[in-house]
PDB file of N, CA and C in Angstrom:
ATOM      1  N   MET A   1       0.824  -1.190   0.000  1.00  0.00           N
ATOM      2  CA  MET A   1       0.000   0.000   0.000  1.00  0.00           C
ATOM      3  C   MET A   1       0.869   1.256   0.000  1.00  0.00           C
ATOM      4  N   LYS A   2       1.941   1.211   0.813  1.00  0.00           N
ATOM      5  CA  LYS A   2       2.834   2.364   0.902  1.00  0.00           C
ATOM      6  C   LYS A   2       3.515   2.619  -0.446  1.00  0.00           C
ATOM      7  N   ASN A   3       3.876   1.556  -1.150  1.00  0.00           N
ATOM      8  CA  ASN A   3       4.510   1.697  -2.467  1.00  0.00           C
ATOM      9  C   ASN A   3       3.545   2.303  -3.490  1.00  0.00           C
ATOM     10  N   LYS A   4       2.265   1.951  -3.415  1.00  0.00           N
ATOM     11  CA  LYS A   4       1.278   2.519  -4.330  1.00  0.00           C
ATOM     12  C   LYS A   4       1.111   4.014  -4.090  1.00  0.00           C
ATOM     13  N   ILE A   5       1.080   4.408  -2.845  1.00  0.00           N
ATOM     14  CA  ILE A   5       0.937   5.832  -2.505  1.00  0.00           C
ATOM     15  C   ILE A   5       2.169   6.589  -2.978  1.00  0.00           C
ATOM     16  N   MET A   6       3.335   6.026  -2.744  1.00  0.00           N
ATOM     17  CA  MET A   6       4.581   6.673  -3.179  1.00  0.00           C
ATOM     18  C   MET A   6       4.625   6.766  -4.705  1.00  0.00           C
ATOM     19  N   GLY A   7       4.180   5.712  -5.381  1.00  0.00           N
ATOM     20  CA  GLY A   7       4.142   5.724  -6.845  1.00  0.00           C
ATOM     21  C   GLY A   7       3.176   6.773  -7.372  1.00  0.00           C
ATOM     22  N   PHE A   8       2.014   6.875  -6.727  1.00  0.00           N
ATOM     23  CA  PHE A   8       1.034   7.872  -7.125  1.00  0.00           C
ATOM     24  C   PHE A   8       1.575   9.285  -6.920  1.00  0.00           C
ATOM     25  N   LEU A   9       2.218   9.541  -5.796  1.00  0.00           N
ATOM     26  CA  LEU A   9       2.805  10.848  -5.534  1.00  0.00           C
ATOM     27  C   LEU A   9       3.898  11.176  -6.550  1.00  0.00           C
ATOM     28  N   PHE A  10       4.705  10.187  -6.889  1.00  0.00           N
ATOM     29  CA  PHE A  10       5.770  10.395  -7.870  1.00  0.00           C
ATOM     30  C   PHE A  10       5.182  10.791  -9.224  1.00  0.00           C
ATOM     31  N   VAL A  11       4.146  10.069  -9.659  1.00  0.00           N
ATOM     32  CA  VAL A  11       3.505  10.372 -10.942  1.00  0.00           C
ATOM     33  C   VAL A  11       2.858  11.761 -10.897  1.00  0.00           C
ATOM     34  N   ALA A  12       2.209  12.098  -9.801  1.00  0.00           N
ATOM     35  CA  ALA A  12       1.556  13.407  -9.679  1.00  0.00           C
ATOM     36  C   ALA A  12       2.584  14.539  -9.745  1.00  0.00           C
ATOM     37  N   ILE A  13       3.721  14.354  -9.091  1.00  0.00           N
ATOM     38  CA  ILE A  13       4.773  15.376  -9.118  1.00  0.00           C
ATOM     39  C   ILE A  13       5.359  15.490 -10.513  1.00  0.00           C
ATOM     40  N   MET A  14       5.564  14.378 -11.188  1.00  0.00           N
ATOM     41  CA  MET A  14       6.123  14.404 -12.537  1.00  0.00           C
ATOM     42  C   MET A  14       5.176  15.110 -13.508  1.00  0.00           C
ATOM     43  N   VAL A  15       3.886  14.829 -13.411  1.00  0.00           N
ATOM     44  CA  VAL A  15       2.912  15.444 -14.314  1.00  0.00           C
ATOM     45  C   VAL A  15       2.849  16.945 -14.078  1.00  0.00           C
ATOM     46  N   SER A  16       2.804  17.357 -12.827  1.00  0.00           N
ATOM     47  CA  SER A  16       2.745  18.798 -12.548  1.00  0.00           C
ATOM     48  C   SER A  16       4.062  19.468 -12.910  1.00  0.00           C
ATOM     49  N   GLY A  17       5.171  18.781 -12.767  1.00  0.00           N
ATOM     50  CA  GLY A  17       6.465  19.332 -13.144  1.00  0.00           C
ATOM     51  C   GLY A  17       6.606  19.499 -14.639  1.00  0.00           C
ATOM     52  N   CYS A  18       6.050  18.587 -15.405  1.00  0.00           N
ATOM     53  CA  CYS A  18       6.127  18.676 -16.862  1.00  0.00           C
ATOM     54  C   CYS A  18       5.312  19.848 -17.381  1.00  0.00           C
ATOM     55  N   ALA A  19       4.218  20.162 -16.718  1.00  0.00           N
ATOM     56  CA  ALA A  19       3.405  21.299 -17.151  1.00  0.00           C
ATOM     57  C   ALA A  19       4.203  22.591 -17.034  1.00  0.00           C
ATOM     58  N   ASN A  20       4.992  22.747 -16.001  1.00  0.00           N
ATOM     59  CA  ASN A  20       5.806  23.944 -15.815  1.00  0.00           C
ATOM     60  C   ASN A  20       7.068  23.902 -16.671  1.00  0.00           C
ATOM     61  N   PHE A  21       7.529  22.727 -17.012  1.00  0.00           N
ATOM     62  CA  PHE A  21       8.737  22.582 -17.809  1.00  0.00           C
ATOM     63  C   PHE A  21       8.567  23.195 -19.194  1.00  0.00           C
ATOM     64  N   ARG A  22       7.341  23.162 -19.719  1.00  0.00           N
ATOM     65  CA  ARG A  22       7.055  23.719 -21.033  1.00  0.00           C
ATOM     66  C   ARG A  22       7.395  25.200 -21.135  1.00  0.00           C
ATOM     67  N   ASP A  23       7.328  25.915 -20.012  1.00  0.00           N
ATOM     68  CA  ASP A  23       7.638  27.348 -20.004  1.00  0.00           C
ATOM     69  C   ASP A  23       9.099  27.613 -20.335  1.00  0.00           C
ATOM     70  N   TYR A  24       9.962  26.620 -20.151  1.00  0.00           N
ATOM     71  CA  TYR A  24      11.399  26.814 -20.349  1.00  0.00           C
ATOM     72  C   TYR A  24      11.923  26.209 -21.647  1.00  0.00           C
ATOM     73  N   VAL A  25      11.058  25.560 -22.396  1.00  0.00           N
ATOM     74  CA  VAL A  25      11.449  24.970 -23.668  1.00  0.00           C
ATOM     75  C   VAL A  25      11.234  26.023 -24.748  1.00  0.00           C
ATOM     76  N   PRO A  26      12.228  26.273 -25.599  1.00  0.00           N
ATOM     77  CA  PRO A  26      12.053  27.293 -26.637  1.00  0.00           C
ATOM     78  C   PRO A  26      10.928  26.942 -27.605  1.00  0.00           C
ATOM     79  N   GLU A  27      10.266  27.976 -28.076  1.00  0.00           N
ATOM     80  CA  GLU A  27       9.207  27.803 -29.061  1.00  0.00           C
ATOM     81  C   GLU A  27       9.811  27.288 -30.369  1.00  0.00           C
ATOM     82  N   ASP A  28       9.014  26.589 -31.122  1.00  0.00           N
ATOM     83  CA  ASP A  28       9.441  26.159 -32.455  1.00  0.00           C
ATOM     84  C   ASP A  28       9.520  27.372 -33.368  1.00  0.00           C
ATOM     85  N   PHE A  29      10.371  27.274 -34.377  1.00  0.00           N
ATOM     86  CA  PHE A  29      10.513  28.337 -35.364  1.00  0.00           C
ATOM     87  C   PHE A  29       9.204  28.475 -36.125  1.00  0.00           C
ATOM     88  N   ASP A  30       8.768  29.693 -36.322  1.00  0.00           N
ATOM     89  CA  ASP A  30       7.527  29.964 -37.037  1.00  0.00           C
ATOM     90  C   ASP A  30       7.862  30.789 -38.277  1.00  0.00           C
ATOM     91  N   GLY A  31       7.865  30.151 -39.426  1.00  0.00           N
ATOM     92  CA  GLY A  31       8.221  30.819 -40.663  1.00  0.00           C
ATOM     93  C   GLY A  31       7.273  31.938 -41.043  1.00  0.00           C
ATOM     94  N   ASN A  32       5.987  31.785 -40.752  1.00  0.00           N
ATOM     95  CA  ASN A  32       5.012  32.839 -41.061  1.00  0.00           C
ATOM     96  C   ASN A  32       5.300  34.098 -40.256  1.00  0.00           C
ATOM     97  N   GLU A  33       5.525  33.901 -38.980  1.00  0.00           N
ATOM     98  CA  GLU A  33       5.826  35.031 -38.096  1.00  0.00           C
ATOM     99  C   GLU A  33       7.108  35.728 -38.554  1.00  0.00           C
ATOM    100  N   TYR A  34       8.111  34.951 -38.868  1.00  0.00           N
ATOM    101  CA  TYR A  34       9.395  35.517 -39.275  1.00  0.00           C
ATOM    102  C   TYR A  34       9.252  36.291 -40.593  1.00  0.00           C
ATOM    103  N   MET A  35       8.445  35.794 -41.510  1.00  0.00           N
ATOM    104  CA  MET A  35       8.224  36.472 -42.787  1.00  0.00           C
ATOM    105  C   MET A  35       7.546  37.821 -42.567  1.00  0.00           C
ATOM    106  N   LYS A  36       6.571  37.874 -41.685  1.00  0.00           N
ATOM    107  CA  LYS A  36       5.887  39.142 -41.395  1.00  0.00           C
ATOM    108  C   LYS A  36       6.850  40.123 -40.741  1.00  0.00           C
ATOM    109  N   LEU A  37       7.710  39.637 -39.870  1.00  0.00           N
ATOM    110  CA  LEU A  37       8.732  40.505 -39.275  1.00  0.00           C
ATOM    111  C   LEU A  37       9.678  41.029 -40.341  1.00  0.00           C
ATOM    112  N   ALA A  38      10.062  40.162 -41.287  1.00  0.00           N
ATOM    113  CA  ALA A  38      10.967  40.576 -42.360  1.00  0.00           C
ATOM    114  C   ALA A  38      10.311  41.638 -43.238  1.00  0.00           C
ATOM    115  N   GLU A  39       9.043  41.467 -43.543  1.00  0.00           N
ATOM    116  CA  GLU A  39       8.329  42.452 -44.363  1.00  0.00           C
ATOM    117  C   GLU A  39       8.264  43.801 -43.651  1.00  0.00           C
ATOM    118  N   LEU A  40       7.962  43.779 -42.367  1.00  0.00           N
ATOM    119  CA  LEU A  40       7.921  45.021 -41.591  1.00  0.00           C
ATOM    120  C   LEU A  40       9.300  45.662 -41.521  1.00  0.00           C
ATOM    121  N   SER A  41      10.324  44.855 -41.378  1.00  0.00           N
ATOM    122  CA  SER A  41      11.687  45.367 -41.322  1.00  0.00           C
ATOM    123  C   SER A  41      12.070  46.070 -42.616  1.00  0.00           C
ATOM    124  N   VAL A  42      11.713  45.477 -43.743  1.00  0.00           N
ATOM    125  CA  VAL A  42      12.035  46.075 -45.039  1.00  0.00           C
ATOM    126  C   VAL A  42      11.329  47.420 -45.199  1.00  0.00           C
ATOM    127  N   VAL A  43      10.055  47.471 -44.870  1.00  0.00           N
ATOM    128  CA  VAL A  43       9.310  48.723 -45.006  1.00  0.00           C
ATOM    129  C   VAL A  43       9.858  49.782 -44.050  1.00  0.00           C
ATOM    130  N   ALA A  44      10.198  49.384 -42.832  1.00  0.00           N
ATOM    131  CA  ALA A  44      10.729  50.337 -41.857  1.00  0.00           C
ATOM    132  C   ALA A  44      12.074  50.904 -42.299  1.00  0.00           C
ATOM    133  N   ASP A  45      12.839  50.117 -43.043  1.00  0.00           N
ATOM    134  CA  ASP A  45      14.169  50.557 -43.484  1.00  0.00           C
ATOM    135  C   ASP A  45      14.177  51.231 -44.862  1.00  0.00           C
ATOM    136  N   LEU A  46      13.019  51.355 -45.513  1.00  0.00           N
ATOM    137  CA  LEU A  46      12.977  51.929 -46.860  1.00  0.00           C
ATOM    138  C   LEU A  46      13.495  53.367 -46.902  1.00  0.00           C
ATOM    139  N   SER A  47      13.124  54.145 -45.918  1.00  0.00           N
ATOM    140  CA  SER A  47      13.551  55.539 -45.892  1.00  0.00           C
ATOM    141  C   SER A  47      13.502  56.051 -44.461  1.00  0.00           C
ATOM    142  N   GLU A  48      13.781  57.335 -44.307  1.00  0.00           N
ATOM    143  CA  GLU A  48      13.730  57.964 -42.986  1.00  0.00           C
ATOM    144  C   GLU A  48      12.618  59.007 -42.913  1.00  0.00           C
ATOM    145  N   THR A  49      11.740  59.012 -43.918  1.00  0.00           N
ATOM    146  CA  THR A  49      10.678  60.013 -43.967  1.00  0.00           C
ATOM    147  C   THR A  49       9.373  59.416 -43.446  1.00  0.00           C
ATOM    148  N   CYS A  50       8.357  60.246 -43.364  1.00  0.00           N
ATOM    149  CA  CYS A  50       7.028  59.794 -42.959  1.00  0.00           C
ATOM    150  C   CYS A  50       6.112  59.694 -44.176  1.00  0.00           C
ATOM    151  N   ASN A  51       6.588  59.022 -45.209  1.00  0.00           N
ATOM    152  CA  ASN A  51       5.822  58.789 -46.419  1.00  0.00           C
ATOM    153  C   ASN A  51       4.524  58.062 -46.064  1.00  0.00           C
ATOM    154  N   GLY A  52       3.402  58.576 -46.565  1.00  0.00           N
ATOM    155  CA  GLY A  52       2.090  58.029 -46.216  1.00  0.00           C
ATOM    156  C   GLY A  52       1.914  56.564 -46.543  1.00  0.00           C
ATOM    157  N   MET A  53       2.362  56.142 -47.709  1.00  0.00           N
ATOM    158  CA  MET A  53       2.222  54.736 -48.101  1.00  0.00           C
ATOM    159  C   MET A  53       3.063  53.829 -47.205  1.00  0.00           C
ATOM    160  N   GLU A  54       4.265  54.271 -46.890  1.00  0.00           N
ATOM    161  CA  GLU A  54       5.134  53.473 -46.022  1.00  0.00           C
ATOM    162  C   GLU A  54       4.558  53.390 -44.613  1.00  0.00           C
ATOM    163  N   MET A  55       3.990  54.488 -44.125  1.00  0.00           N
ATOM    164  CA  MET A  55       3.381  54.485 -42.789  1.00  0.00           C
ATOM    165  C   MET A  55       2.193  53.529 -42.746  1.00  0.00           C
ATOM    166  N   THR A  56       1.394  53.544 -43.798  1.00  0.00           N
ATOM    167  CA  THR A  56       0.241  52.644 -43.882  1.00  0.00           C
ATOM    168  C   THR A  56       0.700  51.189 -43.910  1.00  0.00           C
ATOM    169  N   SER A  57       1.746  50.901 -44.659  1.00  0.00           N
ATOM    170  CA  SER A  57       2.272  49.531 -44.740  1.00  0.00           C
ATOM    171  C   SER A  57       2.825  49.078 -43.399  1.00  0.00           C
ATOM    172  N   MET A  58       3.580  49.943 -42.741  1.00  0.00           N
ATOM    173  CA  MET A  58       4.138  49.584 -41.433  1.00  0.00           C
ATOM    174  C   MET A  58       3.027  49.312 -40.428  1.00  0.00           C
ATOM    175  N   ARG A  59       2.020  50.152 -40.457  1.00  0.00           N
ATOM    176  CA  ARG A  59       0.892  49.971 -39.538  1.00  0.00           C
ATOM    177  C   ARG A  59       0.173  48.658 -39.827  1.00  0.00           C
ATOM    178  N   PHE A  60      -0.008  48.346 -41.108  1.00  0.00           N
ATOM    179  CA  PHE A  60      -0.663  47.101 -41.491  1.00  0.00           C
ATOM    180  C   PHE A  60       0.128  45.883 -41.027  1.00  0.00           C
ATOM    181  N   TYR A  61       1.431  45.843 -41.334  1.00  0.00           N
ATOM    182  CA  TYR A  61       2.246  44.679 -40.967  1.00  0.00           C
ATOM    183  C   TYR A  61       2.321  44.499 -39.453  1.00  0.00           C
ATOM    184  N   SER A  62       2.420  45.602 -38.724  1.00  0.00           N
ATOM    185  CA  SER A  62       2.474  45.485 -37.265  1.00  0.00           C
ATOM    186  C   SER A  62       1.131  45.016 -36.714  1.00  0.00           C
ATOM    187  N   ALA A  63       0.025  45.439 -37.339  1.00  0.00           N
ATOM    188  CA  ALA A  63      -1.299  44.979 -36.904  1.00  0.00           C
ATOM    189  C   ALA A  63      -1.469  43.487 -37.176  1.00  0.00           C
ATOM    190  N   VAL A  64      -0.949  43.015 -38.317  1.00  0.00           N
ATOM    191  CA  VAL A  64      -1.021  41.585 -38.636  1.00  0.00           C
ATOM    192  C   VAL A  64      -0.241  40.777 -37.598  1.00  0.00           C
ATOM    193  N   LEU A  65       0.966  41.234 -37.260  1.00  0.00           N
ATOM    194  CA  LEU A  65       1.765  40.531 -36.246  1.00  0.00           C
ATOM    195  C   LEU A  65       1.046  40.503 -34.907  1.00  0.00           C
ATOM    196  N   MET A  66       0.451  41.621 -34.537  1.00  0.00           N
ATOM    197  CA  MET A  66      -0.256  41.688 -33.256  1.00  0.00           C
ATOM    198  C   MET A  66      -1.444  40.729 -33.252  1.00  0.00           C
ATOM    199  N   LYS A  67      -2.211  40.727 -34.333  1.00  0.00           N
ATOM    200  CA  LYS A  67      -3.368  39.834 -34.433  1.00  0.00           C
ATOM    201  C   LYS A  67      -2.933  38.370 -34.453  1.00  0.00           C
ATOM    202  N   TYR A  68      -1.872  38.074 -35.180  1.00  0.00           N
ATOM    203  CA  TYR A  68      -1.344  36.712 -35.265  1.00  0.00           C
ATOM    204  C   TYR A  68      -0.903  36.205 -33.897  1.00  0.00           C
ATOM    205  N   SER A  69      -0.293  37.099 -33.126  1.00  0.00           N
ATOM    206  CA  SER A  69       0.240  36.695 -31.827  1.00  0.00           C
ATOM    207  C   SER A  69      -0.847  36.449 -30.792  1.00  0.00           C
ATOM    208  N   GLU A  70      -2.035  36.991 -31.009  1.00  0.00           N
ATOM    209  CA  GLU A  70      -3.114  36.810 -30.034  1.00  0.00           C
ATOM    210  C   GLU A  70      -3.468  35.347 -29.826  1.00  0.00           C
ATOM    211  N   GLY A  71      -3.422  34.556 -30.884  1.00  0.00           N
ATOM    212  CA  GLY A  71      -3.865  33.176 -30.760  1.00  0.00           C
ATOM    213  C   GLY A  71      -2.779  32.133 -30.789  1.00  0.00           C
ATOM    214  N   THR A  72      -1.547  32.520 -31.121  1.00  0.00           N
ATOM    215  CA  THR A  72      -0.549  31.470 -31.327  1.00  0.00           C
ATOM    216  C   THR A  72       0.709  31.622 -30.493  1.00  0.00           C
ATOM    217  N   LEU A  73       0.964  32.768 -29.931  1.00  0.00           N
ATOM    218  CA  LEU A  73       2.233  32.987 -29.259  1.00  0.00           C
ATOM    219  C   LEU A  73       2.039  33.283 -27.776  1.00  0.00           C
ATOM    220  N   LYS A  74       3.129  33.325 -27.078  1.00  0.00           N
ATOM    221  CA  LYS A  74       3.086  33.624 -25.658  1.00  0.00           C
ATOM    222  C   LYS A  74       2.808  35.106 -25.427  1.00  0.00           C
ATOM    223  N   GLU A  75       2.357  35.417 -24.247  1.00  0.00           N
ATOM    224  CA  GLU A  75       1.957  36.788 -23.912  1.00  0.00           C
ATOM    225  C   GLU A  75       3.106  37.786 -24.035  1.00  0.00           C
ATOM    226  N   ASN A  76       4.320  37.396 -23.659  1.00  0.00           N
ATOM    227  CA  ASN A  76       5.441  38.340 -23.746  1.00  0.00           C
ATOM    228  C   ASN A  76       5.764  38.691 -25.194  1.00  0.00           C
ATOM    229  N   ILE A  77       5.573  37.765 -26.114  1.00  0.00           N
ATOM    230  CA  ILE A  77       5.798  38.042 -27.527  1.00  0.00           C
ATOM    231  C   ILE A  77       4.687  38.946 -28.047  1.00  0.00           C
ATOM    232  N   ALA A  78       3.464  38.686 -27.625  1.00  0.00           N
ATOM    233  CA  ALA A  78       2.342  39.548 -28.015  1.00  0.00           C
ATOM    234  C   ALA A  78       2.571  40.972 -27.518  1.00  0.00           C
ATOM    235  N   ASP A  79       3.152  41.116 -26.343  1.00  0.00           N
ATOM    236  CA  ASP A  79       3.456  42.451 -25.803  1.00  0.00           C
ATOM    237  C   ASP A  79       4.500  43.168 -26.657  1.00  0.00           C
ATOM    238  N   ILE A  80       5.477  42.440 -27.175  1.00  0.00           N
ATOM    239  CA  ILE A  80       6.490  43.037 -28.054  1.00  0.00           C
ATOM    240  C   ILE A  80       5.817  43.572 -29.312  1.00  0.00           C
ATOM    241  N   TYR A  81       4.942  42.762 -29.907  1.00  0.00           N
ATOM    242  CA  TYR A  81       4.253  43.196 -31.122  1.00  0.00           C
ATOM    243  C   TYR A  81       3.297  44.349 -30.845  1.00  0.00           C
ATOM    244  N   ALA A  82       2.675  44.356 -29.683  1.00  0.00           N
ATOM    245  CA  ALA A  82       1.793  45.472 -29.325  1.00  0.00           C
ATOM    246  C   ALA A  82       2.605  46.763 -29.202  1.00  0.00           C
ATOM    247  N   GLY A  83       3.818  46.671 -28.657  1.00  0.00           N
ATOM    248  CA  GLY A  83       4.685  47.841 -28.555  1.00  0.00           C
ATOM    249  C   GLY A  83       5.115  48.354 -29.915  1.00  0.00           C
ATOM    250  N   ILE A  84       5.453  47.449 -30.811  1.00  0.00           N
ATOM    251  CA  ILE A  84       5.825  47.841 -32.173  1.00  0.00           C
ATOM    252  C   ILE A  84       4.629  48.495 -32.864  1.00  0.00           C
ATOM    253  N   HIS A  85       3.460  47.898 -32.690  1.00  0.00           N
ATOM    254  CA  HIS A  85       2.256  48.457 -33.316  1.00  0.00           C
ATOM    255  C   HIS A  85       1.941  49.846 -32.756  1.00  0.00           C
ATOM    256  N   ALA A  86       2.108  50.022 -31.462  1.00  0.00           N
ATOM    257  CA  ALA A  86       1.855  51.337 -30.860  1.00  0.00           C
ATOM    258  C   ALA A  86       2.763  52.403 -31.474  1.00  0.00           C
ATOM    259  N   LEU A  87       4.029  52.052 -31.728  1.00  0.00           N
ATOM    260  CA  LEU A  87       4.941  53.007 -32.365  1.00  0.00           C
ATOM    261  C   LEU A  87       4.513  53.327 -33.795  1.00  0.00           C
ATOM    262  N   THR A  88       4.071  52.314 -34.533  1.00  0.00           N
ATOM    263  CA  THR A  88       3.653  52.567 -35.911  1.00  0.00           C
ATOM    264  C   THR A  88       2.378  53.402 -35.957  1.00  0.00           C
ATOM    265  N   VAL A  89       1.475  53.189 -35.017  1.00  0.00           N
ATOM    266  CA  VAL A  89       0.262  54.006 -34.951  1.00  0.00           C
ATOM    267  C   VAL A  89       0.633  55.444 -34.602  1.00  0.00           C
ATOM    268  N   GLU A  90       1.518  55.594 -33.635  1.00  0.00           N
ATOM    269  CA  GLU A  90       1.937  56.933 -33.211  1.00  0.00           C
ATOM    270  C   GLU A  90       2.544  57.722 -34.368  1.00  0.00           C
ATOM    271  N   ILE A  91       3.450  57.107 -35.102  1.00  0.00           N
ATOM    272  CA  ILE A  91       4.107  57.828 -36.196  1.00  0.00           C
ATOM    273  C   ILE A  91       3.146  58.079 -37.359  1.00  0.00           C
ATOM    274  N   SER A  92       2.226  57.149 -37.618  1.00  0.00           N
ATOM    275  CA  SER A  92       1.313  57.329 -38.747  1.00  0.00           C
ATOM    276  C   SER A  92       0.229  58.360 -38.461  1.00  0.00           C
ATOM    277  N   GLU A  93      -0.097  58.575 -37.189  1.00  0.00           N
ATOM    278  CA  GLU A  93      -1.142  59.539 -36.833  1.00  0.00           C
ATOM    279  C   GLU A  93      -0.597  60.925 -36.509  1.00  0.00           C
ATOM    280  N   ARG A  94       0.697  61.074 -36.488  1.00  0.00           N
ATOM    281  CA  ARG A  94       1.308  62.367 -36.161  1.00  0.00           C
ATOM    282  C   ARG A  94       1.050  63.364 -37.295  1.00  0.00           C
ATOM    283  N   GLU A  95       0.565  64.547 -36.943  1.00  0.00           N
ATOM    284  CA  GLU A  95       0.315  65.583 -37.935  1.00  0.00           C
ATOM    285  C   GLU A  95       1.568  66.429 -38.129  1.00  0.00           C
ATOM    286  N   ASN A  96       1.955  66.604 -39.367  1.00  0.00           N
ATOM    287  CA  ASN A  96       3.125  67.410 -39.737  1.00  0.00           C
ATOM    288  C   ASN A  96       4.385  67.050 -38.943  1.00  0.00           C
ATOM    289  N   PRO A  97       4.779  65.801 -38.978  1.00  0.00           N
ATOM    290  CA  PRO A  97       5.990  65.421 -38.235  1.00  0.00           C
ATOM    291  C   PRO A  97       7.244  66.009 -38.876  1.00  0.00           C
ATOM    292  N   SER A  98       8.201  66.323 -38.043  1.00  0.00           N
ATOM    293  CA  SER A  98       9.464  66.857 -38.555  1.00  0.00           C
ATOM    294  C   SER A  98      10.295  65.708 -39.122  1.00  0.00           C
ATOM    295  N   PRO A  99      11.237  66.021 -40.001  1.00  0.00           N
ATOM    296  CA  PRO A  99      12.108  64.967 -40.544  1.00  0.00           C
ATOM    297  C   PRO A  99      12.891  64.241 -39.444  1.00  0.00           C
ATOM    298  N   ALA A 100      13.302  64.969 -38.414  1.00  0.00           N
ATOM    299  CA  ALA A 100      14.040  64.333 -37.310  1.00  0.00           C
ATOM    300  C   ALA A 100      13.156  63.350 -36.556  1.00  0.00           C
ATOM    301  N   TYR A 101      11.908  63.727 -36.320  1.00  0.00           N
ATOM    302  CA  TYR A 101      10.956  62.847 -35.642  1.00  0.00           C
ATOM    303  C   TYR A 101      10.777  61.551 -36.434  1.00  0.00           C
ATOM    304  N   CYS A 102      10.573  61.691 -37.738  1.00  0.00           N
ATOM    305  CA  CYS A 102      10.369  60.515 -38.594  1.00  0.00           C
ATOM    306  C   CYS A 102      11.593  59.603 -38.561  1.00  0.00           C
ATOM    307  N   LYS A 103      12.757  60.213 -38.658  1.00  0.00           N
ATOM    308  CA  LYS A 103      13.997  59.425 -38.655  1.00  0.00           C
ATOM    309  C   LYS A 103      14.159  58.664 -37.342  1.00  0.00           C
ATOM    310  N   ILE A 104      13.914  59.324 -36.225  1.00  0.00           N
ATOM    311  CA  ILE A 104      14.082  58.685 -34.907  1.00  0.00           C
ATOM    312  C   ILE A 104      13.051  57.585 -34.709  1.00  0.00           C
ATOM    313  N   LYS A 105      11.781  57.868 -35.001  1.00  0.00           N
ATOM    314  CA  LYS A 105      10.726  56.870 -34.788  1.00  0.00           C
ATOM    315  C   LYS A 105      10.914  55.653 -35.697  1.00  0.00           C
ATOM    316  N   ARG A 106      11.245  55.888 -36.948  1.00  0.00           N
ATOM    317  CA  ARG A 106      11.464  54.752 -37.850  1.00  0.00           C
ATOM    318  C   ARG A 106      12.678  53.955 -37.412  1.00  0.00           C
ATOM    319  N   GLY A 107      13.687  54.647 -36.915  1.00  0.00           N
ATOM    320  CA  GLY A 107      14.858  53.947 -36.391  1.00  0.00           C
ATOM    321  C   GLY A 107      14.500  53.082 -35.199  1.00  0.00           C
ATOM    322  N   ASN A 108      13.639  53.598 -34.319  1.00  0.00           N
ATOM    323  CA  ASN A 108      13.197  52.812 -33.159  1.00  0.00           C
ATOM    324  C   ASN A 108      12.405  51.584 -33.582  1.00  0.00           C
ATOM    325  N   ILE A 109      11.512  51.775 -34.530  1.00  0.00           N
ATOM    326  CA  ILE A 109      10.714  50.644 -35.028  1.00  0.00           C
ATOM    327  C   ILE A 109      11.624  49.604 -35.669  1.00  0.00           C
ATOM    328  N   SER A 110      12.537  50.061 -36.502  1.00  0.00           N
ATOM    329  CA  SER A 110      13.463  49.156 -37.176  1.00  0.00           C
ATOM    330  C   SER A 110      14.304  48.381 -36.171  1.00  0.00           C
ATOM    331  N   LYS A 111      14.772  49.070 -35.140  1.00  0.00           N
ATOM    332  CA  LYS A 111      15.591  48.416 -34.113  1.00  0.00           C
ATOM    333  C   LYS A 111      14.797  47.332 -33.384  1.00  0.00           C
ATOM    334  N   LEU A 112      13.564  47.638 -32.988  1.00  0.00           N
ATOM    335  CA  LEU A 112      12.738  46.649 -32.295  1.00  0.00           C
ATOM    336  C   LEU A 112      12.441  45.439 -33.174  1.00  0.00           C
ATOM    337  N   VAL A 113      12.143  45.692 -34.432  1.00  0.00           N
ATOM    338  CA  VAL A 113      11.839  44.587 -35.349  1.00  0.00           C
ATOM    339  C   VAL A 113      13.086  43.726 -35.570  1.00  0.00           C
ATOM    340  N   ASP A 114      14.233  44.358 -35.750  1.00  0.00           N
ATOM    341  CA  ASP A 114      15.475  43.607 -35.947  1.00  0.00           C
ATOM    342  C   ASP A 114      15.825  42.773 -34.716  1.00  0.00           C
ATOM    343  N   GLU A 115      15.603  43.325 -33.530  1.00  0.00           N
ATOM    344  CA  GLU A 115      15.856  42.566 -32.297  1.00  0.00           C
ATOM    345  C   GLU A 115      14.908  41.373 -32.205  1.00  0.00           C
ATOM    346  N   ALA A 116      13.655  41.569 -32.579  1.00  0.00           N
ATOM    347  CA  ALA A 116      12.694  40.456 -32.576  1.00  0.00           C
ATOM    348  C   ALA A 116      13.123  39.382 -33.570  1.00  0.00           C
ATOM    349  N   MET A 117      13.582  39.807 -34.747  1.00  0.00           N
ATOM    350  CA  MET A 117      14.037  38.835 -35.745  1.00  0.00           C
ATOM    351  C   MET A 117      15.256  38.060 -35.248  1.00  0.00           C
ATOM    352  N   ASP A 118      16.186  38.746 -34.600  1.00  0.00           N
ATOM    353  CA  ASP A 118      17.361  38.063 -34.051  1.00  0.00           C
ATOM    354  C   ASP A 118      16.953  37.046 -33.001  1.00  0.00           C
ATOM    355  N   THR A 119      16.035  37.445 -32.138  1.00  0.00           N
ATOM    356  CA  THR A 119      15.596  36.558 -31.055  1.00  0.00           C
ATOM    357  C   THR A 119      14.797  35.383 -31.591  1.00  0.00           C
ATOM    358  N   PHE A 120      13.795  35.664 -32.400  1.00  0.00           N
ATOM    359  CA  PHE A 120      12.901  34.612 -32.858  1.00  0.00           C
ATOM    360  C   PHE A 120      13.516  33.759 -33.947  1.00  0.00           C
ATOM    361  N   GLY A 121      14.496  34.282 -34.652  1.00  0.00           N
ATOM    362  CA  GLY A 121      15.192  33.518 -35.688  1.00  0.00           C
ATOM    363  C   GLY A 121      16.078  32.439 -35.108  1.00  0.00           C
ATOM    364  N   ASP A 122      16.422  32.574 -33.825  1.00  0.00           N
ATOM    365  CA  ASP A 122      17.277  31.587 -33.162  1.00  0.00           C
ATOM    366  C   ASP A 122      16.500  30.430 -32.553  1.00  0.00           C
ATOM    367  N   ARG A 123      15.199  30.396 -32.740  1.00  0.00           N
ATOM    368  CA  ARG A 123      14.414  29.288 -32.200  1.00  0.00           C
ATOM    369  C   ARG A 123      14.794  28.003 -32.898  1.00  0.00           C
ATOM    370  N   LYS A 124      14.530  26.893 -32.225  1.00  0.00           N
ATOM    371  CA  LYS A 124      14.834  25.593 -32.834  1.00  0.00           C
ATOM    372  C   LYS A 124      13.992  25.408 -34.079  1.00  0.00           C
ATOM    373  N   LYS A 125      14.602  24.821 -35.079  1.00  0.00           N
ATOM    374  CA  LYS A 125      13.908  24.617 -36.362  1.00  0.00           C
ATOM    375  C   LYS A 125      13.671  23.144 -36.583  1.00  0.00           C
TER     376      LYS A 125
END
């Protein structure tokens, strides 16, 4: 009887431990996510101006990443995409932005996207 109880406790601890272990295993590589990041990176690096078409494209790609992350990725990754999207909304809604403002904001967006690509590109494939 004592062995059965010990066996049951061992199995219960292993099952609960495996549930938490998943938090430390890297996510699988997601080619769709990486492609959307690459597209946003290209648009963000096209120029240093606040060209209307480029702003619309950046806002669109960041919105797609944010929407994609809602159902498939972890919360911290969704927060990264929400931050990128907030920057693209901010720059696209700014009235009469100065050239310096556009250059700095696009640089910030580009930097965040490149960091995300570096991080997420290193996932196991």
